[in-house]
């Protein structure tokens, strides 16, 4: 991941008082903060600990955190599936108190760039309209529905985006 993703990017969210945060590679040392973030953002279906460890350690995955004053306030993870020339955004989360500041969009773009695949896909709960609007705004479109995918039986909307810069 290091060759595709800078080790340090600083941002200032556009608020009355700027919120400075950084996008950094996430490591296994971030496990406890990722666990807290998952539980805060996905109360029904936070990743089990073993999946969080995998997201922070497996090869062919991307893992980027948004950090403010040493605290993980957001995270994007993804899988590279070279055989299909597709990257999957497997999770995108921002703590509720830091939403609507552009952090999710910055993480999404950083994730896309780190995946470096000509097609990027993701899934989102049917009722998560805020996330769907973010993805639509950033060039994603709906391609299918996975019935009863999420905990509680909710459908997943699968969305994808062409990334011409990474076409072979």
Foldseek 3Di string as FASTA:
>chain_A
DPVQAPQWDWDWFDDPDTFIKIKHFAAPVCLVLLQVQQCQFPVQCRPPSVVSNCQRDPPQKGKIFIGGPRHGQWIWMWGADVVVLEIEGEDTTGHPVPPPRCPSVVRVVSRVRVNLGQKYKYKDFPPPVVVVVSVVVVAKDFDDKDFLPGRVGTIITMIMHGDVVSDD
